[in-house]
Amino acid sequence: MLVVDEPIYRRLPAFLIATVDKFASLPWIGKSGAFFGHVDRYDPDKGFFGAYEPGEGRPFGNGHRLDPPDLVN
């Protein structure tokens, strides 16, 4: 279980529980775009990267992309 923001943005968990205030702040945090599939690079040791960190990681091959999560309420 991770409870600190930075590792969560890097490792993109399969299941995420957030408070309403944290969920509402997601559009204002560039790194949070990764939760919604906005990543195009990966590093096995560091995790996923998107437009908010140019030059980090290696591009996905063969047009691969991450799907955004489904919202469960």
N, C-alpha and C. Protein backbone atom coordinates (compact mmCIF):
# COMPACT_ATOMS: atom_id res chain seq x y z
N MET A 1 0.84 -1.16 0.00
CA MET A 1 0.00 0.00 0.00
C MET A 1 0.89 1.24 0.00
N LEU A 2 0.59 2.17 -0.88
CA LEU A 2 1.30 3.45 -0.94
C LEU A 2 0.37 4.56 -0.49
N VAL A 3 0.87 5.49 0.29
CA VAL A 3 0.02 6.59 0.75
C VAL A 3 0.63 7.96 0.46
N VAL A 4 1.76 8.00 -0.21
CA VAL A 4 2.44 9.25 -0.54
C VAL A 4 2.28 9.49 -2.04
N ASP A 5 2.03 10.74 -2.43
CA ASP A 5 1.72 11.06 -3.82
C ASP A 5 2.79 10.66 -4.83
N GLU A 6 4.03 11.02 -4.61
CA GLU A 6 5.07 10.81 -5.62
C GLU A 6 5.21 9.36 -6.08
N PRO A 7 5.32 8.37 -5.18
CA PRO A 7 5.40 6.98 -5.67
C PRO A 7 4.14 6.52 -6.39
N ILE A 8 3.01 7.06 -6.01
CA ILE A 8 1.75 6.68 -6.66
C ILE A 8 1.74 7.18 -8.10
N TYR A 9 2.23 8.40 -8.35
CA TYR A 9 2.28 8.92 -9.72
C TYR A 9 3.23 8.10 -10.58
N ARG A 10 4.27 7.54 -10.02
CA ARG A 10 5.25 6.77 -10.77
C ARG A 10 4.78 5.36 -11.08
N ARG A 11 4.17 4.69 -10.12
CA ARG A 11 3.85 3.27 -10.27
C ARG A 11 2.43 3.01 -10.75
N LEU A 12 1.57 4.00 -10.77
CA LEU A 12 0.21 3.90 -11.30
C LEU A 12 -0.51 2.65 -10.80
N PRO A 13 -1.04 2.71 -9.61
CA PRO A 13 -1.68 1.53 -9.03
C PRO A 13 -2.91 1.09 -9.82
N ALA A 14 -3.26 -0.17 -9.68
CA ALA A 14 -4.44 -0.71 -10.34
C ALA A 14 -5.71 -0.30 -9.60
N PHE A 15 -5.60 0.05 -8.34
CA PHE A 15 -6.75 0.43 -7.53
C PHE A 15 -6.35 1.65 -6.70
N LEU A 16 -7.18 2.69 -6.73
CA LEU A 16 -6.85 3.93 -6.05
C LEU A 16 -8.04 4.39 -5.22
N ILE A 17 -7.78 4.72 -3.98
CA ILE A 17 -8.79 5.29 -3.09
C ILE A 17 -8.32 6.70 -2.77
N ALA A 18 -9.20 7.69 -2.96
CA ALA A 18 -8.82 9.07 -2.70
C ALA A 18 -9.94 9.80 -1.98
N THR A 19 -9.57 10.80 -1.21
CA THR A 19 -10.57 11.66 -0.59
C THR A 19 -11.11 12.60 -1.67
N VAL A 20 -12.25 13.17 -1.43
CA VAL A 20 -12.88 14.06 -2.41
C VAL A 20 -11.98 15.25 -2.72
N ASP A 21 -11.35 15.83 -1.72
CA ASP A 21 -10.49 16.99 -1.98
C ASP A 21 -9.28 16.61 -2.83
N LYS A 22 -8.72 15.44 -2.61
CA LYS A 22 -7.57 14.98 -3.41
C LYS A 22 -8.03 14.70 -4.85
N PHE A 23 -9.18 14.07 -5.00
CA PHE A 23 -9.70 13.78 -6.33
C PHE A 23 -9.99 15.08 -7.08
N ALA A 24 -10.55 16.07 -6.40
CA ALA A 24 -10.87 17.35 -7.03
C ALA A 24 -9.61 18.10 -7.45
N SER A 25 -8.50 17.88 -6.79
CA SER A 25 -7.26 18.59 -7.12
C SER A 25 -6.51 17.96 -8.29
N LEU A 26 -6.89 16.78 -8.73
CA LEU A 26 -6.14 16.08 -9.78
C LEU A 26 -5.94 16.89 -11.06
N PRO A 27 -6.93 17.64 -11.55
CA PRO A 27 -6.70 18.40 -12.79
C PRO A 27 -5.62 19.48 -12.66
N TRP A 28 -5.30 19.87 -11.46
CA TRP A 28 -4.35 20.95 -11.23
C TRP A 28 -2.93 20.44 -11.00
N ILE A 29 -2.75 19.15 -10.96
CA ILE A 29 -1.44 18.54 -10.72
C ILE A 29 -1.01 17.83 -12.01
N GLY A 30 0.05 18.33 -12.66
CA GLY A 30 0.48 17.77 -13.95
C GLY A 30 0.76 16.29 -13.91
N LYS A 31 1.41 15.81 -12.88
CA LYS A 31 1.75 14.40 -12.78
C LYS A 31 0.53 13.51 -12.67
N SER A 32 -0.57 14.04 -12.19
CA SER A 32 -1.76 13.21 -12.01
C SER A 32 -2.38 12.79 -13.34
N GLY A 33 -2.00 13.44 -14.44
CA GLY A 33 -2.49 13.02 -15.75
C GLY A 33 -2.16 11.57 -16.04
N ALA A 34 -1.11 11.06 -15.41
CA ALA A 34 -0.72 9.66 -15.59
C ALA A 34 -1.85 8.72 -15.17
N PHE A 35 -2.63 9.12 -14.17
CA PHE A 35 -3.75 8.28 -13.73
C PHE A 35 -4.78 8.09 -14.82
N PHE A 36 -4.85 9.03 -15.75
CA PHE A 36 -5.86 8.99 -16.79
C PHE A 36 -5.31 8.55 -18.14
N GLY A 37 -4.18 7.84 -18.12
CA GLY A 37 -3.62 7.26 -19.33
C GLY A 37 -2.70 8.17 -20.10
N HIS A 38 -2.34 9.32 -19.56
CA HIS A 38 -1.49 10.27 -20.28
C HIS A 38 -0.02 10.02 -20.00
N VAL A 39 0.43 8.82 -20.32
CA VAL A 39 1.84 8.47 -20.23
C VAL A 39 2.26 7.86 -21.55
N ASP A 40 3.50 8.09 -21.92
CA ASP A 40 3.98 7.52 -23.19
C ASP A 40 5.37 6.93 -23.06
N ARG A 41 5.93 6.95 -21.84
CA ARG A 41 7.27 6.39 -21.62
C ARG A 41 7.31 5.63 -20.30
N TYR A 42 8.29 4.73 -20.20
CA TYR A 42 8.41 3.89 -19.02
C TYR A 42 9.87 3.58 -18.74
N ASP A 43 10.20 3.50 -17.47
CA ASP A 43 11.52 3.06 -17.03
C ASP A 43 11.28 1.96 -16.00
N PRO A 44 11.87 0.77 -16.17
CA PRO A 44 11.60 -0.34 -15.25
C PRO A 44 11.92 -0.03 -13.78
N ASP A 45 12.89 0.84 -13.56
CA ASP A 45 13.27 1.16 -12.18
C ASP A 45 12.52 2.36 -11.61
N LYS A 46 12.14 3.30 -12.47
CA LYS A 46 11.53 4.54 -11.99
C LYS A 46 10.02 4.62 -12.18
N GLY A 47 9.46 3.89 -13.15
CA GLY A 47 8.01 3.90 -13.37
C GLY A 47 7.62 4.58 -14.67
N PHE A 48 6.41 5.17 -14.69
CA PHE A 48 5.82 5.76 -15.90
C PHE A 48 6.08 7.26 -15.96
N PHE A 49 6.12 7.79 -17.22
CA PHE A 49 6.35 9.21 -17.43
C PHE A 49 5.44 9.72 -18.54
N GLY A 50 5.03 10.96 -18.43
CA GLY A 50 4.21 11.60 -19.44
C GLY A 50 4.81 12.92 -19.86
N ALA A 51 3.98 13.76 -20.45
CA ALA A 51 4.43 15.05 -20.98
C ALA A 51 4.99 15.97 -19.90
N TYR A 52 4.61 15.75 -18.68
CA TYR A 52 5.07 16.61 -17.58
C TYR A 52 6.55 16.43 -17.28
N GLU A 53 7.19 15.35 -17.79
CA GLU A 53 8.62 15.12 -17.58
C GLU A 53 9.27 14.68 -18.88
N PRO A 54 9.54 15.62 -19.79
CA PRO A 54 10.15 15.24 -21.07
C PRO A 54 11.55 14.66 -20.89
N GLY A 55 11.86 13.69 -21.71
CA GLY A 55 13.20 13.10 -21.68
C GLY A 55 13.39 11.97 -20.69
N GLU A 56 12.43 11.71 -19.84
CA GLU A 56 12.55 10.63 -18.86
C GLU A 56 11.97 9.35 -19.44
N GLY A 57 12.59 8.22 -19.17
CA GLY A 57 12.09 6.91 -19.59
C GLY A 57 12.24 6.65 -21.08
N ARG A 58 11.80 5.47 -21.48
CA ARG A 58 11.84 5.05 -22.88
C ARG A 58 10.42 4.99 -23.44
N PRO A 59 10.23 5.37 -24.71
CA PRO A 59 8.90 5.32 -25.30
C PRO A 59 8.35 3.89 -25.34
N PHE A 60 7.03 3.78 -25.20
CA PHE A 60 6.37 2.49 -25.39
C PHE A 60 6.54 2.09 -26.84
N GLY A 61 6.63 0.82 -27.12
CA GLY A 61 6.73 0.35 -28.49
C GLY A 61 5.39 -0.04 -29.07
N ASN A 62 5.32 -0.12 -30.37
CA ASN A 62 4.15 -0.63 -31.10
C ASN A 62 2.86 0.11 -30.80
N GLY A 63 2.92 1.40 -30.56
CA GLY A 63 1.72 2.18 -30.33
C GLY A 63 1.01 1.86 -29.03
N HIS A 64 1.67 1.19 -28.12
CA HIS A 64 1.07 0.81 -26.84
C HIS A 64 0.74 2.06 -26.03
N ARG A 65 -0.37 2.02 -25.30
CA ARG A 65 -0.74 3.10 -24.40
C ARG A 65 -1.48 2.52 -23.21
N LEU A 66 -1.59 3.30 -22.16
CA LEU A 66 -2.34 2.87 -20.98
C LEU A 66 -3.76 3.39 -21.05
N ASP A 67 -4.71 2.56 -20.75
CA ASP A 67 -6.10 3.00 -20.72
C ASP A 67 -6.37 3.73 -19.42
N PRO A 68 -7.22 4.76 -19.45
CA PRO A 68 -7.58 5.44 -18.21
C PRO A 68 -8.43 4.52 -17.33
N PRO A 69 -8.46 4.80 -16.04
CA PRO A 69 -9.24 3.95 -15.13
C PRO A 69 -10.74 4.19 -15.25
N ASP A 70 -11.51 3.25 -14.80
CA ASP A 70 -12.95 3.41 -14.68
C ASP A 70 -13.23 4.02 -13.31
N LEU A 71 -14.24 4.87 -13.24
CA LEU A 71 -14.61 5.49 -11.98
C LEU A 71 -15.67 4.64 -11.30
N VAL A 72 -15.40 4.26 -10.07
CA VAL A 72 -16.35 3.50 -9.27
C VAL A 72 -16.78 4.41 -8.13
N ASN A 73 -18.06 4.58 -7.98
CA ASN A 73 -18.53 5.44 -6.89
C ASN A 73 -19.47 4.69 -5.98
